[in-house]
Amino acid sequence: MTNTLQDPSYWRERAEETRSKAESFAYRSSRERLLKIAEEYDRLAIYAEQWQSQH
């Protein structure tokens, strides 16, 4: 079983869920904050891919 933290698809799914949620927010600052979080999830997916390729 793969550790969730090391699973790129987990992080990409979280990013997509966060982007979807951001669309429902009326306040621009809230949407932007959620979109930044989604970007961080994308970054974590890249790190997870790099980790998998090294192990």
C-alpha atoms as a PDB file:
ATOM      1  CA  MET A   1       0.000   0.000   0.000  1.00  0.00           C
ATOM      2  CA  THR A   2       1.339   3.412  -0.992  1.00  0.00           C
ATOM      3  CA  ASN A   3       1.486   6.181   1.547  1.00  0.00           C
ATOM      4  CA  THR A   4      -1.073   8.845   0.611  1.00  0.00           C
ATOM      5  CA  LEU A   5       1.532  11.574   1.009  1.00  0.00           C
ATOM      6  CA  GLN A   6       3.591   9.904  -1.716  1.00  0.00           C
ATOM      7  CA  ASP A   7       0.692   9.438  -4.144  1.00  0.00           C
ATOM      8  CA  PRO A   8       0.608  12.088  -6.914  1.00  0.00           C
ATOM      9  CA  SER A   9      -2.964  11.237  -7.890  1.00  0.00           C
ATOM     10  CA  TYR A  10      -4.117  11.979  -4.335  1.00  0.00           C
ATOM     11  CA  TRP A  11      -2.658  15.486  -4.514  1.00  0.00           C
ATOM     12  CA  ARG A  12      -4.019  16.129  -8.008  1.00  0.00           C
ATOM     13  CA  GLU A  13      -7.471  15.075  -6.854  1.00  0.00           C
ATOM     14  CA  ARG A  14      -7.229  17.432  -3.892  1.00  0.00           C
ATOM     15  CA  ALA A  15      -6.170  20.252  -6.221  1.00  0.00           C
ATOM     16  CA  GLU A  16      -9.135  19.645  -8.515  1.00  0.00           C
ATOM     17  CA  GLU A  17     -11.573  19.481  -5.587  1.00  0.00           C
ATOM     18  CA  THR A  18     -10.176  22.743  -4.235  1.00  0.00           C
ATOM     19  CA  ARG A  19     -10.486  24.471  -7.617  1.00  0.00           C
ATOM     20  CA  SER A  20     -14.096  23.312  -7.878  1.00  0.00           C
ATOM     21  CA  LYS A  21     -14.817  24.614  -4.423  1.00  0.00           C
ATOM     22  CA  ALA A  22     -13.182  27.955  -5.270  1.00  0.00           C
ATOM     23  CA  GLU A  23     -15.684  28.489  -8.084  1.00  0.00           C
ATOM     24  CA  SER A  24     -18.529  28.549  -5.557  1.00  0.00           C
ATOM     25  CA  PHE A  25     -17.055  31.355  -3.446  1.00  0.00           C
ATOM     26  CA  ALA A  26     -18.502  34.809  -4.027  1.00  0.00           C
ATOM     27  CA  TYR A  27     -15.606  36.740  -2.518  1.00  0.00           C
ATOM     28  CA  ARG A  28     -12.617  37.153  -4.782  1.00  0.00           C
ATOM     29  CA  SER A  29     -10.101  36.966  -1.940  1.00  0.00           C
ATOM     30  CA  SER A  30     -11.531  33.628  -0.796  1.00  0.00           C
ATOM     31  CA  ARG A  31     -11.434  32.227  -4.332  1.00  0.00           C
ATOM     32  CA  GLU A  32      -7.844  33.378  -4.790  1.00  0.00           C
ATOM     33  CA  ARG A  33      -6.797  31.826  -1.496  1.00  0.00           C
ATOM     34  CA  LEU A  34      -8.309  28.483  -2.484  1.00  0.00           C
ATOM     35  CA  LEU A  35      -6.668  28.633  -5.898  1.00  0.00           C
ATOM     36  CA  LYS A  36      -3.287  29.170  -4.222  1.00  0.00           C
ATOM     37  CA  ILE A  37      -3.941  26.114  -2.066  1.00  0.00           C
ATOM     38  CA  ALA A  38      -4.748  24.141  -5.232  1.00  0.00           C
ATOM     39  CA  GLU A  39      -1.403  25.246  -6.687  1.00  0.00           C
ATOM     40  CA  GLU A  40       0.335  23.939  -3.579  1.00  0.00           C
ATOM     41  CA  TYR A  41      -1.441  20.593  -4.000  1.00  0.00           C
ATOM     42  CA  ASP A  42      -0.165  20.488  -7.586  1.00  0.00           C
ATOM     43  CA  ARG A  43       3.331  21.145  -6.282  1.00  0.00           C
ATOM     44  CA  LEU A  44       2.960  18.309  -3.790  1.00  0.00           C
ATOM     45  CA  ALA A  45       1.922  16.018  -6.652  1.00  0.00           C
ATOM     46  CA  ILE A  46       5.157  16.877  -8.446  1.00  0.00           C
ATOM     47  CA  TYR A  47       7.176  16.173  -5.308  1.00  0.00           C
ATOM     48  CA  ALA A  48       5.385  12.844  -4.900  1.00  0.00           C
ATOM     49  CA  GLU A  49       6.229  11.926  -8.500  1.00  0.00           C
ATOM     50  CA  GLN A  50       9.860  12.812  -7.917  1.00  0.00           C
ATOM     51  CA  TRP A  51       9.905  10.758  -4.731  1.00  0.00           C
ATOM     52  CA  GLN A  52       8.430   7.750  -6.536  1.00  0.00           C
ATOM     53  CA  SER A  53      10.968   7.981  -9.346  1.00  0.00           C
ATOM     54  CA  GLN A  54      13.818   7.947  -6.823  1.00  0.00           C
ATOM     55  CA  HIS A  55      12.531   4.941  -4.854  1.00  0.00           C
END
